[in-house]
Amino acid sequence: MMGEVSFWQNFKKFAMRGNAMDLAVGVVVGGAFGKIVSSLVNDVLLPPLGLVLGKVDFSNLFFVLGPGSYQTLAEAKQAGVPVLAYGAFLSSILDFVIIALSIFLVLRWLEKLRLLPSLAVPVEEPPPTRSEQLLEEIRNELRGRGRS
């Protein structure tokens, strides 16, 4: 029994720690944001793009990988025929690009407000060459002689 109390106390301490709570909030907000972006892509961006491209319905773009011919993706799936639904894939790619761009912009904004460390990759100076080391030693030696 003593081990169980210790386990639950440790679990409670872990779960209520700031990082775990931040992660939980991030997952919930991220899930909601993903739904918003999916709706933006599927309901706002793709319909006008499909209209411009000749009344293309991205959600209904597919290749039938089995026998037969089907007018819609739903008909092909109902018949149990394997399909390659590339329209849904294109939609998912657009979702990803919008989400990644949004996260990048938010992180850049937070970086500018100094709430995050810099996202820039630090440039590491190469170590001094043997010649540079020797010149530094000579300089230091000459400085030492001038003071004596």
N, C-alpha and C. Protein backbone atom coordinates (compact mmCIF):
# COMPACT_ATOMS: atom_id res chain seq x y z
N MET A 1 0.81 -1.21 0.00
CA MET A 1 0.00 0.00 0.00
C MET A 1 0.85 1.27 0.00
N MET A 2 1.96 1.23 0.71
CA MET A 2 2.81 2.41 0.80
C MET A 2 3.35 2.78 -0.57
N GLY A 3 3.70 1.76 -1.41
CA GLY A 3 4.21 2.01 -2.74
C GLY A 3 3.18 2.71 -3.62
N GLU A 4 1.89 2.36 -3.46
CA GLU A 4 0.83 2.97 -4.28
C GLU A 4 0.66 4.45 -3.96
N VAL A 5 0.71 4.79 -2.69
CA VAL A 5 0.58 6.19 -2.31
C VAL A 5 1.74 6.99 -2.88
N SER A 6 2.93 6.46 -2.78
CA SER A 6 4.09 7.14 -3.31
C SER A 6 3.98 7.29 -4.83
N PHE A 7 3.51 6.22 -5.49
CA PHE A 7 3.35 6.28 -6.94
C PHE A 7 2.37 7.38 -7.32
N TRP A 8 1.20 7.43 -6.66
CA TRP A 8 0.19 8.44 -7.01
C TRP A 8 0.64 9.85 -6.67
N GLN A 9 1.38 9.99 -5.58
CA GLN A 9 1.91 11.31 -5.24
C GLN A 9 2.91 11.77 -6.29
N ASN A 10 3.77 10.85 -6.71
CA ASN A 10 4.74 11.19 -7.75
C ASN A 10 4.05 11.50 -9.07
N PHE A 11 3.02 10.71 -9.40
CA PHE A 11 2.29 10.96 -10.64
C PHE A 11 1.60 12.32 -10.59
N LYS A 12 0.98 12.65 -9.46
CA LYS A 12 0.31 13.95 -9.32
C LYS A 12 1.30 15.09 -9.45
N LYS A 13 2.47 14.92 -8.84
CA LYS A 13 3.51 15.95 -8.94
C LYS A 13 3.94 16.13 -10.39
N PHE A 14 4.11 15.02 -11.11
CA PHE A 14 4.50 15.07 -12.52
C PHE A 14 3.40 15.73 -13.36
N ALA A 15 2.16 15.30 -13.17
CA ALA A 15 1.06 15.79 -13.99
C ALA A 15 0.78 17.27 -13.78
N MET A 16 1.04 17.76 -12.58
CA MET A 16 0.73 19.15 -12.29
C MET A 16 1.93 20.07 -12.50
N ARG A 17 3.06 19.48 -12.90
CA ARG A 17 4.24 20.30 -13.18
C ARG A 17 3.96 21.17 -14.40
N GLY A 18 4.58 22.30 -14.50
CA GLY A 18 4.32 23.27 -15.57
C GLY A 18 4.46 22.69 -16.96
N ASN A 19 5.51 21.92 -17.23
CA ASN A 19 5.74 21.41 -18.57
C ASN A 19 4.62 20.48 -19.02
N ALA A 20 4.14 19.61 -18.12
CA ALA A 20 3.07 18.68 -18.48
C ALA A 20 1.78 19.45 -18.76
N MET A 21 1.49 20.45 -17.97
CA MET A 21 0.27 21.24 -18.18
C MET A 21 0.38 22.03 -19.48
N ASP A 22 1.54 22.60 -19.76
CA ASP A 22 1.74 23.33 -21.01
C ASP A 22 1.56 22.41 -22.20
N LEU A 23 2.07 21.19 -22.09
CA LEU A 23 1.93 20.22 -23.17
C LEU A 23 0.46 19.87 -23.38
N ALA A 24 -0.27 19.64 -22.29
CA ALA A 24 -1.69 19.30 -22.41
C ALA A 24 -2.46 20.44 -23.08
N VAL A 25 -2.20 21.66 -22.67
CA VAL A 25 -2.87 22.81 -23.29
C VAL A 25 -2.49 22.90 -24.76
N GLY A 26 -1.22 22.69 -25.07
CA GLY A 26 -0.77 22.74 -26.46
C GLY A 26 -1.44 21.70 -27.33
N VAL A 27 -1.62 20.49 -26.81
CA VAL A 27 -2.27 19.43 -27.58
C VAL A 27 -3.74 19.78 -27.85
N VAL A 28 -4.43 20.26 -26.83
CA VAL A 28 -5.84 20.61 -27.00
C VAL A 28 -6.00 21.77 -27.99
N VAL A 29 -5.22 22.82 -27.80
CA VAL A 29 -5.29 23.97 -28.70
C VAL A 29 -4.85 23.58 -30.11
N GLY A 30 -3.81 22.76 -30.21
CA GLY A 30 -3.34 22.30 -31.51
C GLY A 30 -4.39 21.48 -32.24
N GLY A 31 -5.11 20.63 -31.52
CA GLY A 31 -6.18 19.84 -32.14
C GLY A 31 -7.29 20.74 -32.67
N ALA A 32 -7.67 21.73 -31.87
CA ALA A 32 -8.70 22.66 -32.32
C ALA A 32 -8.21 23.48 -33.51
N PHE A 33 -6.95 23.91 -33.47
CA PHE A 33 -6.39 24.68 -34.57
C PHE A 33 -6.34 23.85 -35.84
N GLY A 34 -6.02 22.57 -35.70
CA GLY A 34 -5.99 21.67 -36.86
C GLY A 34 -7.36 21.56 -37.52
N LYS A 35 -8.41 21.51 -36.71
CA LYS A 35 -9.77 21.46 -37.27
C LYS A 35 -10.10 22.75 -38.00
N ILE A 36 -9.69 23.87 -37.44
CA ILE A 36 -9.94 25.16 -38.08
C ILE A 36 -9.22 25.23 -39.42
N VAL A 37 -7.97 24.81 -39.45
CA VAL A 37 -7.19 24.85 -40.69
C VAL A 37 -7.80 23.89 -41.73
N SER A 38 -8.22 22.70 -41.28
CA SER A 38 -8.85 21.76 -42.22
C SER A 38 -10.11 22.36 -42.82
N SER A 39 -10.90 23.02 -42.00
CA SER A 39 -12.09 23.68 -42.53
C SER A 39 -11.73 24.81 -43.49
N LEU A 40 -10.70 25.58 -43.13
CA LEU A 40 -10.25 26.65 -44.02
C LEU A 40 -9.85 26.09 -45.38
N VAL A 41 -9.08 25.01 -45.36
CA VAL A 41 -8.61 24.42 -46.61
C VAL A 41 -9.77 23.83 -47.40
N ASN A 42 -10.57 22.97 -46.76
CA ASN A 42 -11.61 22.23 -47.47
C ASN A 42 -12.83 23.06 -47.82
N ASP A 43 -13.17 24.04 -46.99
CA ASP A 43 -14.41 24.79 -47.18
C ASP A 43 -14.22 26.18 -47.76
N VAL A 44 -13.00 26.74 -47.64
CA VAL A 44 -12.78 28.11 -48.10
C VAL A 44 -11.78 28.19 -49.26
N LEU A 45 -10.66 27.51 -49.14
CA LEU A 45 -9.61 27.65 -50.16
C LEU A 45 -9.80 26.74 -51.38
N LEU A 46 -10.09 25.47 -51.14
CA LEU A 46 -10.16 24.53 -52.27
C LEU A 46 -11.37 24.74 -53.19
N PRO A 47 -12.55 25.09 -52.70
CA PRO A 47 -13.66 25.31 -53.64
C PRO A 47 -13.39 26.40 -54.69
N PRO A 48 -12.90 27.59 -54.31
CA PRO A 48 -12.60 28.58 -55.36
C PRO A 48 -11.46 28.13 -56.27
N LEU A 49 -10.45 27.47 -55.70
CA LEU A 49 -9.36 26.96 -56.51
C LEU A 49 -9.89 25.91 -57.51
N GLY A 50 -10.77 25.06 -57.05
CA GLY A 50 -11.39 24.07 -57.93
C GLY A 50 -12.21 24.73 -59.03
N LEU A 51 -12.89 25.80 -58.69
CA LEU A 51 -13.68 26.53 -59.69
C LEU A 51 -12.78 27.14 -60.75
N VAL A 52 -11.68 27.74 -60.31
CA VAL A 52 -10.72 28.34 -61.25
C VAL A 52 -10.11 27.27 -62.16
N LEU A 53 -9.89 26.08 -61.61
CA LEU A 53 -9.28 25.00 -62.39
C LEU A 53 -10.28 24.19 -63.21
N GLY A 54 -11.47 24.69 -63.34
CA GLY A 54 -12.46 24.01 -64.19
C GLY A 54 -13.44 23.16 -63.41
N LYS A 55 -13.93 23.68 -62.31
CA LYS A 55 -14.91 23.00 -61.47
C LYS A 55 -14.41 21.65 -60.96
N VAL A 56 -13.19 21.65 -60.46
CA VAL A 56 -12.59 20.45 -59.89
C VAL A 56 -12.99 20.34 -58.43
N ASP A 57 -13.49 19.16 -58.02
CA ASP A 57 -13.81 18.88 -56.62
C ASP A 57 -12.66 18.07 -56.04
N PHE A 58 -11.80 18.73 -55.27
CA PHE A 58 -10.61 18.07 -54.74
C PHE A 58 -10.94 16.86 -53.88
N SER A 59 -12.05 16.91 -53.15
CA SER A 59 -12.41 15.79 -52.29
C SER A 59 -12.82 14.56 -53.10
N ASN A 60 -13.05 14.74 -54.40
CA ASN A 60 -13.50 13.63 -55.24
C ASN A 60 -12.46 13.25 -56.29
N LEU A 61 -11.22 13.64 -56.10
CA LEU A 61 -10.15 13.25 -57.02
C LEU A 61 -9.59 11.91 -56.59
N PHE A 62 -9.66 10.92 -57.48
CA PHE A 62 -9.19 9.59 -57.13
C PHE A 62 -8.91 8.78 -58.38
N PHE A 63 -8.08 7.74 -58.19
CA PHE A 63 -7.83 6.74 -59.22
C PHE A 63 -8.37 5.41 -58.71
N VAL A 64 -9.07 4.69 -59.56
CA VAL A 64 -9.55 3.36 -59.20
C VAL A 64 -8.42 2.38 -59.46
N LEU A 65 -8.06 1.59 -58.46
CA LEU A 65 -6.98 0.63 -58.59
C LEU A 65 -7.49 -0.78 -58.90
N GLY A 66 -8.77 -0.92 -58.96
CA GLY A 66 -9.37 -2.23 -59.25
C GLY A 66 -10.23 -2.15 -60.50
N PRO A 67 -11.01 -3.19 -60.73
CA PRO A 67 -11.87 -3.20 -61.92
C PRO A 67 -13.07 -2.26 -61.76
N GLY A 68 -13.57 -1.79 -62.87
CA GLY A 68 -14.77 -0.97 -62.87
C GLY A 68 -14.48 0.51 -63.02
N SER A 69 -15.57 1.24 -63.22
CA SER A 69 -15.50 2.68 -63.37
C SER A 69 -16.54 3.29 -62.44
N TYR A 70 -16.14 4.32 -61.70
CA TYR A 70 -17.03 4.93 -60.71
C TYR A 70 -16.98 6.44 -60.87
N GLN A 71 -18.15 7.06 -60.71
CA GLN A 71 -18.26 8.51 -60.87
C GLN A 71 -17.73 9.27 -59.65
N THR A 72 -17.93 8.69 -58.46
CA THR A 72 -17.52 9.39 -57.24
C THR A 72 -16.65 8.48 -56.37
N LEU A 73 -15.92 9.09 -55.50
CA LEU A 73 -15.10 8.36 -54.56
C LEU A 73 -15.97 7.52 -53.63
N ALA A 74 -17.10 8.07 -53.22
CA ALA A 74 -18.01 7.34 -52.32
C ALA A 74 -18.52 6.06 -52.99
N GLU A 75 -18.85 6.13 -54.29
CA GLU A 75 -19.32 4.94 -55.00
C GLU A 75 -18.23 3.87 -55.04
N ALA A 76 -17.01 4.27 -55.32
CA ALA A 76 -15.91 3.32 -55.40
C ALA A 76 -15.64 2.68 -54.04
N LYS A 77 -15.66 3.47 -52.98
CA LYS A 77 -15.43 2.93 -51.65
C LYS A 77 -16.57 2.00 -51.23
N GLN A 78 -17.80 2.36 -51.59
CA GLN A 78 -18.95 1.53 -51.25
C GLN A 78 -18.86 0.18 -51.97
N ALA A 79 -18.34 0.18 -53.19
CA ALA A 79 -18.18 -1.07 -53.94
C ALA A 79 -17.00 -1.89 -53.43
N GLY A 80 -16.20 -1.31 -52.54
CA GLY A 80 -15.06 -2.03 -51.97
C GLY A 80 -13.86 -2.11 -52.90
N VAL A 81 -13.83 -1.25 -53.89
CA VAL A 81 -12.73 -1.22 -54.84
C VAL A 81 -11.59 -0.39 -54.25
N PRO A 82 -10.36 -0.87 -54.36
CA PRO A 82 -9.25 -0.04 -53.85
C PRO A 82 -9.08 1.21 -54.71
N VAL A 83 -8.90 2.33 -54.02
CA VAL A 83 -8.75 3.62 -54.71
C VAL A 83 -7.55 4.37 -54.15
N LEU A 84 -7.02 5.22 -54.97
CA LEU A 84 -5.96 6.13 -54.57
C LEU A 84 -6.60 7.51 -54.52
N ALA A 85 -6.95 7.98 -53.32
CA ALA A 85 -7.66 9.24 -53.14
C ALA A 85 -6.66 10.39 -53.03
N TYR A 86 -6.12 10.81 -54.14
CA TYR A 86 -5.07 11.84 -54.12
C TYR A 86 -5.62 13.22 -53.82
N GLY A 87 -6.90 13.46 -54.01
CA GLY A 87 -7.48 14.76 -53.67
C GLY A 87 -7.43 15.00 -52.16
N ALA A 88 -7.75 13.97 -51.37
CA ALA A 88 -7.67 14.09 -49.91
C ALA A 88 -6.21 14.28 -49.48
N PHE A 89 -5.30 13.63 -50.20
CA PHE A 89 -3.88 13.78 -49.90
C PHE A 89 -3.41 15.21 -50.16
N LEU A 90 -3.82 15.78 -51.28
CA LEU A 90 -3.46 17.17 -51.59
C LEU A 90 -4.02 18.12 -50.52
N SER A 91 -5.23 17.84 -50.08
CA SER A 91 -5.85 18.65 -49.04
C SER A 91 -5.04 18.55 -47.74
N SER A 92 -4.58 17.36 -47.40
CA SER A 92 -3.78 17.17 -46.18
C SER A 92 -2.44 17.89 -46.28
N ILE A 93 -1.85 17.87 -47.46
CA ILE A 93 -0.58 18.59 -47.66
C ILE A 93 -0.80 20.08 -47.45
N LEU A 94 -1.87 20.62 -48.00
CA LEU A 94 -2.16 22.04 -47.82
C LEU A 94 -2.43 22.36 -46.36
N ASP A 95 -3.15 21.46 -45.65
CA ASP A 95 -3.35 21.63 -44.21
C ASP A 95 -2.01 21.75 -43.50
N PHE A 96 -1.11 20.81 -43.80
CA PHE A 96 0.19 20.78 -43.14
C PHE A 96 0.97 22.06 -43.40
N VAL A 97 0.98 22.51 -44.65
CA VAL A 97 1.75 23.71 -44.99
C VAL A 97 1.21 24.93 -44.24
N ILE A 98 -0.11 25.05 -44.16
CA ILE A 98 -0.70 26.19 -43.45
C ILE A 98 -0.40 26.11 -41.96
N ILE A 99 -0.52 24.92 -41.37
CA ILE A 99 -0.22 24.78 -39.94
C ILE A 99 1.25 25.06 -39.67
N ALA A 100 2.14 24.50 -40.48
CA ALA A 100 3.57 24.72 -40.27
C ALA A 100 3.92 26.20 -40.42
N LEU A 101 3.35 26.86 -41.42
CA LEU A 101 3.60 28.28 -41.62
C LEU A 101 3.07 29.09 -40.43
N SER A 102 1.90 28.74 -39.94
CA SER A 102 1.32 29.45 -38.80
C SER A 102 2.19 29.29 -37.56
N ILE A 103 2.63 28.08 -37.30
CA ILE A 103 3.49 27.85 -36.12
C ILE A 103 4.79 28.62 -36.27
N PHE A 104 5.37 28.59 -37.46
CA PHE A 104 6.61 29.33 -37.71
C PHE A 104 6.41 30.82 -37.44
N LEU A 105 5.32 31.38 -37.94
CA LEU A 105 5.06 32.82 -37.75
C LEU A 105 4.84 33.16 -36.29
N VAL A 106 4.12 32.29 -35.56
CA VAL A 106 3.89 32.54 -34.13
C VAL A 106 5.21 32.48 -33.36
N LEU A 107 6.05 31.49 -33.68
CA LEU A 107 7.34 31.38 -33.00
C LEU A 107 8.24 32.57 -33.32
N ARG A 108 8.22 33.04 -34.55
CA ARG A 108 9.00 34.24 -34.91
C ARG A 108 8.49 35.45 -34.13
N TRP A 109 7.17 35.57 -34.01
CA TRP A 109 6.57 36.68 -33.27
C TRP A 109 6.97 36.61 -31.80
N LEU A 110 6.91 35.41 -31.21
CA LEU A 110 7.30 35.26 -29.80
C LEU A 110 8.79 35.54 -29.62
N GLU A 111 9.58 35.17 -30.60
CA GLU A 111 11.02 35.44 -30.55
C GLU A 111 11.27 36.94 -30.55
N LYS A 112 10.53 37.67 -31.38
CA LYS A 112 10.70 39.12 -31.44
C LYS A 112 10.27 39.79 -30.14
N LEU A 113 9.28 39.19 -29.47
CA LEU A 113 8.86 39.73 -28.17
C LEU A 113 9.78 39.28 -27.05
N ARG A 114 10.81 38.53 -27.42
CA ARG A 114 11.80 38.04 -26.47
C ARG A 114 11.20 37.04 -25.48
N LEU A 115 10.14 36.33 -25.88
CA LEU A 115 9.54 35.31 -25.02
C LEU A 115 10.14 33.93 -25.29
N LEU A 116 10.87 33.80 -26.39
CA LEU A 116 11.53 32.55 -26.74
C LEU A 116 12.98 32.83 -27.09
N PRO A 117 13.84 31.84 -26.89
CA PRO A 117 15.21 32.02 -27.38
C PRO A 117 15.21 32.08 -28.89
N SER A 118 16.25 32.61 -29.45
CA SER A 118 16.32 32.81 -30.89
C SER A 118 16.20 31.50 -31.64
N LEU A 119 15.45 31.51 -32.75
CA LEU A 119 15.32 30.35 -33.61
C LEU A 119 16.46 30.26 -34.61
N ALA A 120 17.23 31.34 -34.69
CA ALA A 120 18.34 31.36 -35.65
C ALA A 120 19.40 30.36 -35.20
N VAL A 121 19.99 29.71 -36.17
CA VAL A 121 21.05 28.75 -35.88
C VAL A 121 22.31 29.53 -35.55
N PRO A 122 22.87 29.28 -34.35
CA PRO A 122 24.08 30.02 -34.00
C PRO A 122 25.23 29.63 -34.92
N VAL A 123 25.99 30.64 -35.33
CA VAL A 123 27.14 30.41 -36.19
C VAL A 123 28.34 30.19 -35.29
N GLU A 124 28.94 29.02 -35.41
CA GLU A 124 30.08 28.68 -34.57
C GLU A 124 31.35 29.08 -35.31
N GLU A 125 32.20 29.83 -34.61
CA GLU A 125 33.46 30.22 -35.23
C GLU A 125 34.37 29.02 -35.30
N PRO A 126 35.07 28.86 -36.41
CA PRO A 126 36.01 27.74 -36.49
C PRO A 126 37.17 27.97 -35.53
N PRO A 127 37.78 26.90 -35.05
CA PRO A 127 38.92 27.09 -34.14
C PRO A 127 40.06 27.77 -34.89
N PRO A 128 40.90 28.51 -34.14
CA PRO A 128 42.01 29.21 -34.81
C PRO A 128 42.98 28.20 -35.45
N THR A 129 43.54 28.61 -36.57
CA THR A 129 44.53 27.76 -37.24
C THR A 129 45.82 27.76 -36.43
N ARG A 130 46.71 26.88 -36.79
CA ARG A 130 48.00 26.79 -36.08
C ARG A 130 48.77 28.11 -36.22
N SER A 131 48.68 28.71 -37.40
CA SER A 131 49.36 30.00 -37.62
C SER A 131 48.79 31.08 -36.71
N GLU A 132 47.48 31.12 -36.59
CA GLU A 132 46.85 32.12 -35.72
C GLU A 132 47.23 31.90 -34.27
N GLN A 133 47.30 30.63 -33.86
CA GLN A 133 47.71 30.35 -32.48
C GLN A 133 49.14 30.82 -32.21
N LEU A 134 50.02 30.55 -33.18
CA LEU A 134 51.41 30.98 -33.01
C LEU A 134 51.52 32.49 -32.96
N LEU A 135 50.75 33.18 -33.83
CA LEU A 135 50.79 34.65 -33.81
C LEU A 135 50.27 35.20 -32.48
N GLU A 136 49.24 34.57 -31.92
CA GLU A 136 48.74 35.01 -30.62
C GLU A 136 49.78 34.80 -29.53
N GLU A 137 50.49 33.67 -29.59
CA GLU A 137 51.53 33.40 -28.60
C GLU A 137 52.65 34.43 -28.72
N ILE A 138 53.05 34.76 -29.95
CA ILE A 138 54.10 35.77 -30.16
C ILE A 138 53.63 37.12 -29.63
N ARG A 139 52.39 37.50 -29.95
CA ARG A 139 51.85 38.78 -29.45
C ARG A 139 51.85 38.82 -27.94
N ASN A 140 51.39 37.74 -27.31
CA ASN A 140 51.35 37.70 -25.85
C ASN A 140 52.76 37.77 -25.25
N GLU A 141 53.71 37.11 -25.90
CA GLU A 141 55.09 37.14 -25.43
C GLU A 141 55.67 38.55 -25.54
N LEU A 142 55.40 39.24 -26.66
CA LEU A 142 55.90 40.61 -26.84
C LEU A 142 55.26 41.56 -25.83
N ARG A 143 53.97 41.39 -25.56
CA ARG A 143 53.30 42.22 -24.55
C ARG A 143 53.94 42.01 -23.17
N GLY A 144 54.28 40.77 -22.89
CA GLY A 144 54.89 40.46 -21.59
C GLY A 144 56.27 41.08 -21.44
N ARG A 145 57.04 41.14 -22.50
CA ARG A 145 58.39 41.72 -22.46
C ARG A 145 58.34 43.23 -22.28
N GLY A 146 57.37 43.86 -22.89
CA GLY A 146 57.27 45.31 -22.81
C GLY A 146 56.96 45.81 -21.44
N ARG A 147 56.37 45.01 -20.59
CA ARG A 147 55.97 45.43 -19.25
C ARG A 147 57.10 45.24 -18.25
N SER A 148 58.05 44.40 -18.55
CA SER A 148 59.11 44.10 -17.57
C SER A 148 60.12 45.18 -17.46
